[in-house]
Amino acid sequence: MQKLLIATTNPGKLEEIKKCLSNLPLQLLSLVDLGIKDKVEEDGKNFIENAIKKAEFYGEISGLPTIADDGGLEIDILNGEPGVKSRRWINGIDASDEDLINYTLKKLKGVLPDKRGAQLRTVIALVLANGKVYISEGMVRGIIAEKPHPGRTEGFPFRSLLFLPEIGKFYHKDDLTSEENLKYNHRVKALQKFKRIIAESLLE
């Protein structure tokens, strides 16, 4: 069976990607499965650069076709911040989920609801053994709530903040039905676009 490396240490991302690709005849492996502990410096200027860099880095180490993603929160009134710095928004170091939630609320303190527009965006890169690169993108828009959702999803702090006015729910696994998750999940959107490419490239 063809192997595909999912290059992430984020348990939430790994679960979502595996679930979305589970109906393809692939052996989905993680960095932990392969014992890969090497770190890549995410110094790209945008999500695309970081996603490709990670996929190429881990693809070279593993010798396997590899997918990796990069993404984050983009807040309108902050000119797209934190963007590529989403996890390292506070003092340039990896912050905890709770610290990121509190910091976001602090940055938007006093901002009216109609000025709190934001989006979660992800770019997924697929790098094949021959070096060929494919990218796909997914996005979900909403507003930053004034108070966070009471629940937390490890590795996804901003989902406790992004409210979807269209359906009157937080972008949170405890709120969304399975159908709503398929419709709104930004990573699923990106992966759905990828399925045909993966099938044609890896399952010929």
N, C-alpha and C. Protein backbone atom coordinates (compact mmCIF):
# COMPACT_ATOMS: atom_id res chain seq x y z
N MET A 1 0.85 -1.21 0.00
CA MET A 1 0.00 0.00 0.00
C MET A 1 0.88 1.25 0.00
N GLN A 2 0.51 2.23 -0.81
CA GLN A 2 1.26 3.47 -0.89
C GLN A 2 1.24 4.22 0.46
N LYS A 3 2.41 4.68 0.87
CA LYS A 3 2.51 5.41 2.12
C LYS A 3 2.48 6.92 1.86
N LEU A 4 1.89 7.65 2.79
CA LEU A 4 1.85 9.11 2.73
C LEU A 4 2.15 9.64 4.12
N LEU A 5 3.14 10.51 4.22
CA LEU A 5 3.51 11.10 5.50
C LEU A 5 2.72 12.37 5.73
N ILE A 6 2.11 12.46 6.90
CA ILE A 6 1.43 13.68 7.33
C ILE A 6 2.37 14.37 8.31
N ALA A 7 3.00 15.43 7.85
CA ALA A 7 4.08 16.06 8.61
C ALA A 7 3.56 17.10 9.58
N THR A 8 3.03 16.62 10.70
CA THR A 8 2.58 17.52 11.76
C THR A 8 2.72 16.83 13.11
N THR A 9 2.91 17.62 14.13
CA THR A 9 2.90 17.10 15.50
C THR A 9 1.65 17.57 16.24
N ASN A 10 0.79 18.31 15.55
CA ASN A 10 -0.45 18.81 16.13
C ASN A 10 -1.49 17.69 16.09
N PRO A 11 -1.94 17.19 17.25
CA PRO A 11 -2.86 16.05 17.26
C PRO A 11 -4.19 16.36 16.57
N GLY A 12 -4.64 17.60 16.70
CA GLY A 12 -5.90 17.98 16.06
C GLY A 12 -5.79 17.95 14.55
N LYS A 13 -4.71 18.51 14.02
CA LYS A 13 -4.49 18.49 12.57
C LYS A 13 -4.38 17.05 12.05
N LEU A 14 -3.62 16.25 12.76
CA LEU A 14 -3.41 14.86 12.35
C LEU A 14 -4.74 14.12 12.27
N GLU A 15 -5.58 14.32 13.27
CA GLU A 15 -6.88 13.65 13.31
C GLU A 15 -7.76 14.09 12.13
N GLU A 16 -7.79 15.39 11.88
CA GLU A 16 -8.61 15.91 10.79
C GLU A 16 -8.14 15.40 9.43
N ILE A 17 -6.84 15.43 9.21
CA ILE A 17 -6.30 15.00 7.92
C ILE A 17 -6.53 13.50 7.71
N LYS A 18 -6.26 12.71 8.73
CA LYS A 18 -6.46 11.27 8.61
C LYS A 18 -7.93 10.93 8.33
N LYS A 19 -8.81 11.63 9.02
CA LYS A 19 -10.24 11.37 8.84
C LYS A 19 -10.68 11.72 7.42
N CYS A 20 -10.17 12.84 6.90
CA CYS A 20 -10.58 13.30 5.57
C CYS A 20 -10.05 12.39 4.47
N LEU A 21 -8.87 11.80 4.69
CA LEU A 21 -8.25 10.96 3.66
C LEU A 21 -8.47 9.47 3.90
N SER A 22 -9.28 9.13 4.90
CA SER A 22 -9.41 7.73 5.32
C SER A 22 -10.03 6.84 4.26
N ASN A 23 -10.76 7.42 3.30
CA ASN A 23 -11.40 6.58 2.28
C ASN A 23 -10.50 6.34 1.07
N LEU A 24 -9.26 6.81 1.14
CA LEU A 24 -8.30 6.53 0.08
C LEU A 24 -7.42 5.34 0.50
N PRO A 25 -7.03 4.48 -0.42
CA PRO A 25 -6.21 3.31 -0.08
C PRO A 25 -4.76 3.69 0.15
N LEU A 26 -4.52 4.40 1.25
CA LEU A 26 -3.19 4.87 1.60
C LEU A 26 -2.85 4.47 3.03
N GLN A 27 -1.57 4.25 3.28
CA GLN A 27 -1.10 4.07 4.65
C GLN A 27 -0.64 5.43 5.14
N LEU A 28 -1.43 6.04 6.01
CA LEU A 28 -1.15 7.39 6.49
C LEU A 28 -0.25 7.32 7.71
N LEU A 29 0.91 7.94 7.62
CA LEU A 29 1.90 7.89 8.69
C LEU A 29 2.14 9.29 9.25
N SER A 30 2.48 9.34 10.52
CA SER A 30 2.80 10.62 11.15
C SER A 30 4.29 10.68 11.45
N LEU A 31 4.76 11.85 11.86
CA LEU A 31 6.16 12.00 12.26
C LEU A 31 6.48 11.09 13.45
N VAL A 32 5.53 10.95 14.35
CA VAL A 32 5.73 10.08 15.51
C VAL A 32 5.86 8.63 15.06
N ASP A 33 5.03 8.21 14.11
CA ASP A 33 5.10 6.83 13.61
C ASP A 33 6.50 6.51 13.08
N LEU A 34 7.15 7.48 12.45
CA LEU A 34 8.46 7.26 11.85
C LEU A 34 9.61 7.64 12.78
N GLY A 35 9.27 8.11 13.97
CA GLY A 35 10.31 8.49 14.93
C GLY A 35 11.10 9.72 14.52
N ILE A 36 10.48 10.58 13.73
CA ILE A 36 11.16 11.80 13.25
C ILE A 36 10.94 12.92 14.26
N LYS A 37 12.04 13.42 14.81
CA LYS A 37 11.96 14.48 15.81
C LYS A 37 12.60 15.78 15.33
N ASP A 38 13.14 15.76 14.10
CA ASP A 38 13.77 16.96 13.55
C ASP A 38 12.76 18.10 13.44
N LYS A 39 13.22 19.31 13.65
CA LYS A 39 12.37 20.50 13.55
C LYS A 39 12.81 21.33 12.35
N VAL A 40 11.84 21.92 11.68
CA VAL A 40 12.13 22.80 10.56
C VAL A 40 11.78 24.23 10.98
N GLU A 41 12.63 25.17 10.61
CA GLU A 41 12.38 26.57 10.97
C GLU A 41 11.31 27.14 10.03
N GLU A 42 10.22 27.57 10.61
CA GLU A 42 9.11 28.11 9.82
C GLU A 42 9.33 29.61 9.64
N ASP A 43 10.22 29.96 8.72
CA ASP A 43 10.60 31.36 8.53
C ASP A 43 10.09 31.93 7.21
N GLY A 44 9.11 31.26 6.61
CA GLY A 44 8.55 31.76 5.37
C GLY A 44 7.78 33.05 5.56
N LYS A 45 7.62 33.79 4.47
CA LYS A 45 6.90 35.06 4.53
C LYS A 45 5.39 34.87 4.51
N ASN A 46 4.95 33.68 4.14
CA ASN A 46 3.51 33.43 4.08
C ASN A 46 3.24 31.94 4.30
N PHE A 47 1.96 31.59 4.35
CA PHE A 47 1.57 30.21 4.60
C PHE A 47 2.10 29.26 3.53
N ILE A 48 2.08 29.70 2.27
CA ILE A 48 2.51 28.84 1.17
C ILE A 48 3.97 28.45 1.33
N GLU A 49 4.82 29.45 1.61
CA GLU A 49 6.25 29.16 1.76
C GLU A 49 6.50 28.19 2.91
N ASN A 50 5.83 28.40 4.03
CA ASN A 50 6.04 27.52 5.18
C ASN A 50 5.54 26.11 4.91
N ALA A 51 4.37 25.98 4.28
CA ALA A 51 3.82 24.65 4.01
C ALA A 51 4.74 23.87 3.09
N ILE A 52 5.22 24.51 2.02
CA ILE A 52 6.11 23.84 1.09
C ILE A 52 7.43 23.47 1.78
N LYS A 53 7.96 24.39 2.58
CA LYS A 53 9.23 24.13 3.24
C LYS A 53 9.11 22.92 4.16
N LYS A 54 8.02 22.83 4.92
CA LYS A 54 7.84 21.70 5.82
C LYS A 54 7.66 20.38 5.06
N ALA A 55 6.87 20.43 3.99
CA ALA A 55 6.64 19.20 3.22
C ALA A 55 7.93 18.72 2.56
N GLU A 56 8.72 19.64 2.02
CA GLU A 56 9.99 19.25 1.39
C GLU A 56 10.98 18.74 2.42
N PHE A 57 11.04 19.39 3.57
CA PHE A 57 11.98 19.01 4.63
C PHE A 57 11.72 17.58 5.11
N TYR A 58 10.46 17.31 5.45
CA TYR A 58 10.14 15.99 5.99
C TYR A 58 10.05 14.93 4.89
N GLY A 59 9.74 15.36 3.68
CA GLY A 59 9.76 14.42 2.57
C GLY A 59 11.16 13.92 2.28
N GLU A 60 12.13 14.82 2.40
CA GLU A 60 13.52 14.43 2.16
C GLU A 60 14.02 13.48 3.26
N ILE A 61 13.65 13.77 4.50
CA ILE A 61 14.08 12.91 5.61
C ILE A 61 13.47 11.51 5.49
N SER A 62 12.18 11.46 5.17
CA SER A 62 11.46 10.19 5.18
C SER A 62 11.57 9.42 3.87
N GLY A 63 11.82 10.13 2.78
CA GLY A 63 11.82 9.49 1.47
C GLY A 63 10.42 9.16 0.98
N LEU A 64 9.41 9.75 1.62
CA LEU A 64 8.02 9.47 1.28
C LEU A 64 7.33 10.70 0.71
N PRO A 65 6.30 10.51 -0.12
CA PRO A 65 5.45 11.66 -0.46
C PRO A 65 4.87 12.22 0.84
N THR A 66 4.84 13.52 0.93
CA THR A 66 4.54 14.17 2.22
C THR A 66 3.57 15.33 2.04
N ILE A 67 2.63 15.43 2.98
CA ILE A 67 1.81 16.62 3.03
C ILE A 67 2.08 17.35 4.35
N ALA A 68 2.08 18.67 4.26
CA ALA A 68 2.26 19.51 5.44
C ALA A 68 1.41 20.75 5.23
N ASP A 69 1.01 21.36 6.32
CA ASP A 69 0.21 22.57 6.16
C ASP A 69 0.74 23.69 7.05
N ASP A 70 0.35 24.89 6.69
CA ASP A 70 0.62 26.04 7.54
C ASP A 70 -0.60 26.95 7.43
N GLY A 71 -0.94 27.55 8.52
CA GLY A 71 -2.12 28.41 8.51
C GLY A 71 -2.25 29.14 9.83
N GLY A 72 -3.31 29.89 9.93
CA GLY A 72 -3.52 30.63 11.16
C GLY A 72 -4.67 31.61 11.03
N LEU A 73 -4.73 32.47 12.00
CA LEU A 73 -5.80 33.47 12.10
C LEU A 73 -5.38 34.77 11.45
N GLU A 74 -6.29 35.36 10.69
CA GLU A 74 -6.06 36.66 10.07
C GLU A 74 -7.20 37.59 10.47
N ILE A 75 -6.87 38.62 11.24
CA ILE A 75 -7.88 39.54 11.77
C ILE A 75 -7.89 40.82 10.93
N ASP A 76 -9.05 41.16 10.42
CA ASP A 76 -9.17 42.29 9.49
C ASP A 76 -8.60 43.58 10.05
N ILE A 77 -9.06 43.95 11.24
CA ILE A 77 -8.70 45.25 11.81
C ILE A 77 -7.22 45.33 12.19
N LEU A 78 -6.57 44.18 12.29
CA LEU A 78 -5.13 44.15 12.60
C LEU A 78 -4.31 43.90 11.34
N ASN A 79 -4.90 44.21 10.19
CA ASN A 79 -4.19 44.06 8.90
C ASN A 79 -3.69 42.64 8.66
N GLY A 80 -4.51 41.68 9.06
CA GLY A 80 -4.17 40.29 8.81
C GLY A 80 -3.36 39.61 9.89
N GLU A 81 -3.04 40.31 10.96
CA GLU A 81 -2.34 39.66 12.08
C GLU A 81 -3.28 38.65 12.75
N PRO A 82 -2.69 37.62 13.36
CA PRO A 82 -1.27 37.29 13.45
C PRO A 82 -0.71 36.56 12.23
N GLY A 83 -1.57 36.03 11.35
CA GLY A 83 -1.09 35.40 10.12
C GLY A 83 -0.09 34.30 10.37
N VAL A 84 1.06 34.37 9.68
CA VAL A 84 2.06 33.30 9.81
C VAL A 84 2.67 33.23 11.22
N LYS A 85 2.43 34.24 12.00
CA LYS A 85 2.96 34.25 13.37
C LYS A 85 1.91 33.78 14.38
N SER A 86 0.87 33.14 13.93
CA SER A 86 -0.25 32.80 14.81
C SER A 86 0.17 32.09 16.09
N ARG A 87 1.01 31.09 15.98
CA ARG A 87 1.44 30.36 17.18
C ARG A 87 2.49 31.14 17.95
N ARG A 88 3.24 31.99 17.25
CA ARG A 88 4.34 32.74 17.88
C ARG A 88 4.01 34.24 17.96
N TRP A 89 2.75 34.54 18.11
CA TRP A 89 2.28 35.93 18.11
C TRP A 89 2.77 36.70 19.33
N ILE A 90 2.92 36.00 20.43
CA ILE A 90 3.30 36.65 21.69
C ILE A 90 4.81 36.56 21.87
N ASN A 91 5.50 37.66 21.69
CA ASN A 91 6.95 37.74 21.90
C ASN A 91 7.76 36.79 21.02
N GLY A 92 7.16 36.32 19.92
CA GLY A 92 7.92 35.51 18.97
C GLY A 92 8.22 34.10 19.43
N ILE A 93 7.57 33.62 20.47
CA ILE A 93 7.80 32.26 20.96
C ILE A 93 6.48 31.49 20.95
N ASP A 94 6.58 30.16 20.89
CA ASP A 94 5.37 29.35 20.91
C ASP A 94 4.60 29.60 22.20
N ALA A 95 3.34 29.98 22.05
CA ALA A 95 2.52 30.28 23.21
C ALA A 95 1.49 29.18 23.43
N SER A 96 0.97 29.10 24.63
CA SER A 96 -0.06 28.11 24.93
C SER A 96 -1.39 28.53 24.30
N ASP A 97 -2.28 27.57 24.15
CA ASP A 97 -3.59 27.88 23.59
C ASP A 97 -4.29 28.97 24.41
N GLU A 98 -4.26 28.83 25.71
CA GLU A 98 -4.98 29.78 26.57
C GLU A 98 -4.38 31.18 26.49
N ASP A 99 -3.05 31.25 26.42
CA ASP A 99 -2.40 32.56 26.30
C ASP A 99 -2.78 33.24 24.98
N LEU A 100 -2.89 32.47 23.92
CA LEU A 100 -3.25 33.03 22.63
C LEU A 100 -4.70 33.52 22.62
N ILE A 101 -5.56 32.79 23.26
CA ILE A 101 -6.97 33.21 23.36
C ILE A 101 -7.06 34.54 24.11
N ASN A 102 -6.39 34.61 25.26
CA ASN A 102 -6.43 35.82 26.08
C ASN A 102 -5.78 37.00 25.38
N TYR A 103 -4.69 36.74 24.67
CA TYR A 103 -3.97 37.82 23.98
C TYR A 103 -4.83 38.39 22.85
N THR A 104 -5.51 37.52 22.12
CA THR A 104 -6.39 37.97 21.04
C THR A 104 -7.50 38.86 21.58
N LEU A 105 -8.12 38.43 22.66
CA LEU A 105 -9.19 39.23 23.26
C LEU A 105 -8.68 40.57 23.75
N LYS A 106 -7.47 40.59 24.28
CA LYS A 106 -6.86 41.83 24.74
C LYS A 106 -6.62 42.78 23.57
N LYS A 107 -6.13 42.24 22.45
CA LYS A 107 -5.85 43.07 21.28
C LYS A 107 -7.12 43.69 20.70
N LEU A 108 -8.25 43.02 20.89
CA LEU A 108 -9.51 43.50 20.31
C LEU A 108 -10.44 44.11 21.36
N LYS A 109 -9.92 44.38 22.52
CA LYS A 109 -10.75 44.96 23.58
C LYS A 109 -11.34 46.29 23.12
N GLY A 110 -12.65 46.41 23.25
CA GLY A 110 -13.33 47.65 22.88
C GLY A 110 -13.69 47.75 21.41
N VAL A 111 -13.27 46.81 20.58
CA VAL A 111 -13.59 46.83 19.15
C VAL A 111 -15.02 46.34 18.96
N LEU A 112 -15.82 47.10 18.21
CA LEU A 112 -17.22 46.77 18.00
C LEU A 112 -17.37 45.51 17.16
N PRO A 113 -18.50 44.80 17.32
CA PRO A 113 -18.71 43.53 16.61
C PRO A 113 -18.54 43.62 15.10
N ASP A 114 -18.99 44.74 14.49
CA ASP A 114 -18.90 44.83 13.04
C ASP A 114 -17.48 45.11 12.54
N LYS A 115 -16.55 45.27 13.47
CA LYS A 115 -15.14 45.47 13.11
C LYS A 115 -14.27 44.30 13.53
N ARG A 116 -14.91 43.20 13.94
CA ARG A 116 -14.16 42.06 14.47
C ARG A 116 -14.06 40.91 13.46
N GLY A 117 -14.20 41.23 12.17
CA GLY A 117 -14.11 40.21 11.14
C GLY A 117 -12.74 39.53 11.12
N ALA A 118 -12.74 38.22 10.85
CA ALA A 118 -11.49 37.46 10.83
C ALA A 118 -11.70 36.18 10.03
N GLN A 119 -10.60 35.53 9.73
CA GLN A 119 -10.68 34.25 9.03
C GLN A 119 -9.57 33.32 9.49
N LEU A 120 -9.88 32.05 9.47
CA LEU A 120 -8.87 31.03 9.66
C LEU A 120 -8.56 30.47 8.27
N ARG A 121 -7.29 30.44 7.93
CA ARG A 121 -6.87 30.01 6.60
C ARG A 121 -5.76 28.99 6.71
N THR A 122 -5.78 28.02 5.85
CA THR A 122 -4.71 27.02 5.82
C THR A 122 -4.28 26.76 4.39
N VAL A 123 -3.00 26.51 4.22
CA VAL A 123 -2.44 26.09 2.94
C VAL A 123 -1.79 24.73 3.16
N ILE A 124 -2.15 23.77 2.33
CA ILE A 124 -1.58 22.42 2.42
C ILE A 124 -0.70 22.19 1.21
N ALA A 125 0.49 21.68 1.46
CA ALA A 125 1.42 21.36 0.37
C ALA A 125 1.63 19.86 0.30
N LEU A 126 1.63 19.33 -0.91
CA LEU A 126 1.95 17.93 -1.16
C LEU A 126 3.23 17.90 -1.99
N VAL A 127 4.24 17.21 -1.47
CA VAL A 127 5.50 17.06 -2.19
C VAL A 127 5.70 15.58 -2.52
N LEU A 128 5.84 15.29 -3.79
CA LEU A 128 6.02 13.90 -4.23
C LEU A 128 7.49 13.51 -4.19
N ALA A 129 7.75 12.23 -4.32
CA ALA A 129 9.12 11.73 -4.28
C ALA A 129 9.98 12.32 -5.40
N ASN A 130 9.34 12.69 -6.52
CA ASN A 130 10.09 13.27 -7.63
C ASN A 130 10.29 14.78 -7.49
N GLY A 131 9.85 15.32 -6.34
CA GLY A 131 10.04 16.75 -6.08
C GLY A 131 8.90 17.64 -6.53
N LYS A 132 7.93 17.08 -7.21
CA LYS A 132 6.80 17.90 -7.68
C LYS A 132 5.96 18.36 -6.50
N VAL A 133 5.53 19.62 -6.57
CA VAL A 133 4.81 20.24 -5.45
C VAL A 133 3.41 20.66 -5.90
N TYR A 134 2.43 20.36 -5.06
CA TYR A 134 1.06 20.83 -5.26
C TYR A 134 0.64 21.57 -4.00
N ILE A 135 -0.21 22.59 -4.17
CA ILE A 135 -0.74 23.29 -2.99
C ILE A 135 -2.25 23.43 -3.11
N SER A 136 -2.89 23.53 -1.95
CA SER A 136 -4.32 23.74 -1.88
C SER A 136 -4.62 24.62 -0.68
N GLU A 137 -5.70 25.37 -0.75
CA GLU A 137 -6.00 26.34 0.30
C GLU A 137 -7.45 26.23 0.74
N GLY A 138 -7.68 26.45 2.03
CA GLY A 138 -9.04 26.48 2.56
C GLY A 138 -9.19 27.61 3.56
N MET A 139 -10.41 28.14 3.69
CA MET A 139 -10.62 29.30 4.56
C MET A 139 -12.04 29.28 5.13
N VAL A 140 -12.18 29.79 6.34
CA VAL A 140 -13.50 29.99 6.93
C VAL A 140 -13.51 31.37 7.57
N ARG A 141 -14.56 32.15 7.28
CA ARG A 141 -14.67 33.51 7.82
C ARG A 141 -15.71 33.58 8.92
N GLY A 142 -15.46 34.51 9.85
CA GLY A 142 -16.40 34.76 10.93
C GLY A 142 -16.01 36.03 11.64
N ILE A 143 -16.37 36.11 12.91
CA ILE A 143 -15.97 37.26 13.73
C ILE A 143 -15.34 36.74 15.02
N ILE A 144 -14.48 37.57 15.61
CA ILE A 144 -13.89 37.21 16.90
C ILE A 144 -14.88 37.57 17.99
N ALA A 145 -15.33 36.56 18.72
CA ALA A 145 -16.31 36.79 19.78
C ALA A 145 -15.69 37.59 20.92
N GLU A 146 -16.52 38.28 21.67
CA GLU A 146 -16.03 39.06 22.81
C GLU A 146 -15.69 38.16 23.99
N LYS A 147 -16.33 36.99 24.04
CA LYS A 147 -16.01 36.00 25.06
C LYS A 147 -15.80 34.66 24.36
N PRO A 148 -14.81 33.89 24.78
CA PRO A 148 -14.51 32.63 24.09
C PRO A 148 -15.53 31.54 24.39
N HIS A 149 -15.56 30.56 23.51
CA HIS A 149 -16.32 29.35 23.74
C HIS A 149 -15.78 28.68 25.01
N PRO A 150 -16.62 28.09 25.85
CA PRO A 150 -16.11 27.46 27.07
C PRO A 150 -15.25 26.23 26.82
N GLY A 151 -15.40 25.61 25.66
CA GLY A 151 -14.61 24.42 25.35
C GLY A 151 -13.30 24.77 24.68
N ARG A 152 -12.38 23.83 24.72
CA ARG A 152 -11.07 24.00 24.08
C ARG A 152 -10.77 22.76 23.26
N THR A 153 -10.11 22.98 22.13
CA THR A 153 -9.61 21.88 21.30
C THR A 153 -8.10 22.04 21.23
N GLU A 154 -7.38 21.09 21.79
CA GLU A 154 -5.93 21.19 21.87
C GLU A 154 -5.30 21.48 20.50
N GLY A 155 -4.49 22.52 20.46
CA GLY A 155 -3.80 22.88 19.22
C GLY A 155 -4.58 23.82 18.33
N PHE A 156 -5.84 24.10 18.68
CA PHE A 156 -6.69 24.97 17.87
C PHE A 156 -7.28 26.09 18.74
N PRO A 157 -6.47 26.98 19.29
CA PRO A 157 -6.99 28.00 20.21
C PRO A 157 -8.01 28.94 19.58
N PHE A 158 -7.79 29.29 18.32
CA PHE A 158 -8.63 30.31 17.71
C PHE A 158 -10.03 29.81 17.37
N ARG A 159 -10.22 28.51 17.40
CA ARG A 159 -11.56 27.98 17.17
C ARG A 159 -12.48 28.25 18.35
N SER A 160 -11.89 28.57 19.49
CA SER A 160 -12.70 28.96 20.64
C SER A 160 -13.07 30.44 20.59
N LEU A 161 -12.60 31.13 19.56
CA LEU A 161 -12.87 32.56 19.41
C LEU A 161 -13.67 32.90 18.16
N LEU A 162 -13.54 32.09 17.10
CA LEU A 162 -14.17 32.43 15.83
C LEU A 162 -15.65 32.02 15.85
N PHE A 163 -16.51 33.02 15.73
CA PHE A 163 -17.96 32.81 15.73
C PHE A 163 -18.47 32.96 14.31
N LEU A 164 -19.36 32.06 13.90
CA LEU A 164 -19.89 32.06 12.54
C LEU A 164 -21.32 32.61 12.56
N PRO A 165 -21.50 33.90 12.28
CA PRO A 165 -22.83 34.51 12.35
C PRO A 165 -23.85 33.83 11.44
N GLU A 166 -23.38 33.27 10.33
CA GLU A 166 -24.27 32.63 9.36
C GLU A 166 -25.11 31.52 9.98
N ILE A 167 -24.52 30.81 10.94
CA ILE A 167 -25.25 29.71 11.58
C ILE A 167 -25.40 29.92 13.09
N GLY A 168 -24.88 31.04 13.59
CA GLY A 168 -25.03 31.35 15.00
C GLY A 168 -24.29 30.41 15.92
N LYS A 169 -23.12 29.93 15.47
CA LYS A 169 -22.34 28.98 16.27
C LYS A 169 -20.86 29.33 16.23
N PHE A 170 -20.16 28.90 17.27
CA PHE A 170 -18.70 28.98 17.23
C PHE A 170 -18.16 27.94 16.25
N TYR A 171 -16.99 28.26 15.71
CA TYR A 171 -16.30 27.30 14.84
C TYR A 171 -15.57 26.32 15.75
N HIS A 172 -16.35 25.48 16.40
CA HIS A 172 -15.83 24.60 17.44
C HIS A 172 -16.49 23.24 17.30
N LYS A 173 -15.70 22.19 17.50
CA LYS A 173 -16.19 20.82 17.29
C LYS A 173 -17.38 20.48 18.18
N ASP A 174 -17.49 21.12 19.34
CA ASP A 174 -18.60 20.83 20.23
C ASP A 174 -19.91 21.45 19.74
N ASP A 175 -19.81 22.43 18.86
CA ASP A 175 -20.99 23.13 18.36
C ASP A 175 -21.45 22.64 16.99
N LEU A 176 -20.50 22.31 16.12
CA LEU A 176 -20.84 21.99 14.74
C LEU A 176 -21.32 20.55 14.57
N THR A 177 -22.34 20.38 13.75
CA THR A 177 -22.76 19.03 13.38
C THR A 177 -21.75 18.48 12.37
N SER A 178 -21.84 17.20 12.08
CA SER A 178 -20.93 16.59 11.09
C SER A 178 -21.08 17.27 9.74
N GLU A 179 -22.32 17.59 9.38
CA GLU A 179 -22.57 18.24 8.10
C GLU A 179 -21.98 19.65 8.08
N GLU A 180 -22.13 20.37 9.18
CA GLU A 180 -21.59 21.74 9.26
C GLU A 180 -20.07 21.72 9.25
N ASN A 181 -19.48 20.72 9.89
CA ASN A 181 -18.02 20.63 9.89
C ASN A 181 -17.49 20.41 8.47
N LEU A 182 -18.18 19.58 7.69
CA LEU A 182 -17.77 19.35 6.31
C LEU A 182 -17.89 20.63 5.49
N LYS A 183 -18.92 21.41 5.77
CA LYS A 183 -19.17 22.63 5.00
C LYS A 183 -18.21 23.75 5.35
N TYR A 184 -17.90 23.91 6.63
CA TYR A 184 -17.15 25.09 7.08
C TYR A 184 -15.67 24.82 7.39
N ASN A 185 -15.30 23.59 7.67
CA ASN A 185 -13.93 23.31 8.11
C ASN A 185 -12.92 23.69 7.02
N HIS A 186 -12.03 24.62 7.36
CA HIS A 186 -11.10 25.15 6.35
C HIS A 186 -10.07 24.11 5.92
N ARG A 187 -9.67 23.23 6.82
CA ARG A 187 -8.70 22.19 6.44
C ARG A 187 -9.37 21.13 5.56
N VAL A 188 -10.59 20.79 5.88
CA VAL A 188 -11.33 19.84 5.05
C VAL A 188 -11.53 20.41 3.64
N LYS A 189 -11.83 21.69 3.55
CA LYS A 189 -11.99 22.32 2.23
C LYS A 189 -10.72 22.16 1.40
N ALA A 190 -9.59 22.42 2.01
CA ALA A 190 -8.32 22.31 1.30
C ALA A 190 -8.04 20.86 0.90
N LEU A 191 -8.31 19.92 1.79
CA LEU A 191 -8.04 18.52 1.52
C LEU A 191 -8.97 17.95 0.46
N GLN A 192 -10.21 18.39 0.45
CA GLN A 192 -11.16 17.91 -0.56
C GLN A 192 -10.66 18.25 -1.96
N LYS A 193 -10.06 19.44 -2.11
CA LYS A 193 -9.51 19.84 -3.40
C LYS A 193 -8.33 18.95 -3.79
N PHE A 194 -7.67 18.42 -2.77
CA PHE A 194 -6.45 17.63 -2.96
C PHE A 194 -6.71 16.17 -3.31
N LYS A 195 -7.88 15.68 -2.99
CA LYS A 195 -8.12 14.24 -3.10
C LYS A 195 -7.86 13.72 -4.51
N ARG A 196 -8.33 14.44 -5.51
CA ARG A 196 -8.14 13.99 -6.88
C ARG A 196 -6.65 13.97 -7.23
N ILE A 197 -5.93 15.01 -6.79
CA ILE A 197 -4.49 15.09 -7.07
C ILE A 197 -3.76 13.94 -6.40
N ILE A 198 -4.10 13.68 -5.14
CA ILE A 198 -3.47 12.58 -4.41
C ILE A 198 -3.75 11.25 -5.10
N ALA A 199 -5.00 11.06 -5.50
CA ALA A 199 -5.37 9.80 -6.14
C ALA A 199 -4.63 9.62 -7.47
N GLU A 200 -4.56 10.69 -8.25
CA GLU A 200 -3.91 10.59 -9.56
C GLU A 200 -2.39 10.45 -9.44
N SER A 201 -1.82 11.07 -8.39
CA SER A 201 -0.36 11.09 -8.26
C SER A 201 0.19 9.87 -7.53
N LEU A 202 -0.55 9.38 -6.55
CA LEU A 202 -0.02 8.31 -5.71
C LEU A 202 -0.67 6.95 -5.96
N LEU A 203 -1.82 6.94 -6.61
CA LEU A 203 -2.55 5.68 -6.74
C LEU A 203 -2.68 5.23 -8.19
N GLU A 204 -1.78 5.70 -9.03
CA GLU A 204 -1.82 5.32 -10.45
C GLU A 204 -1.58 3.82 -10.59
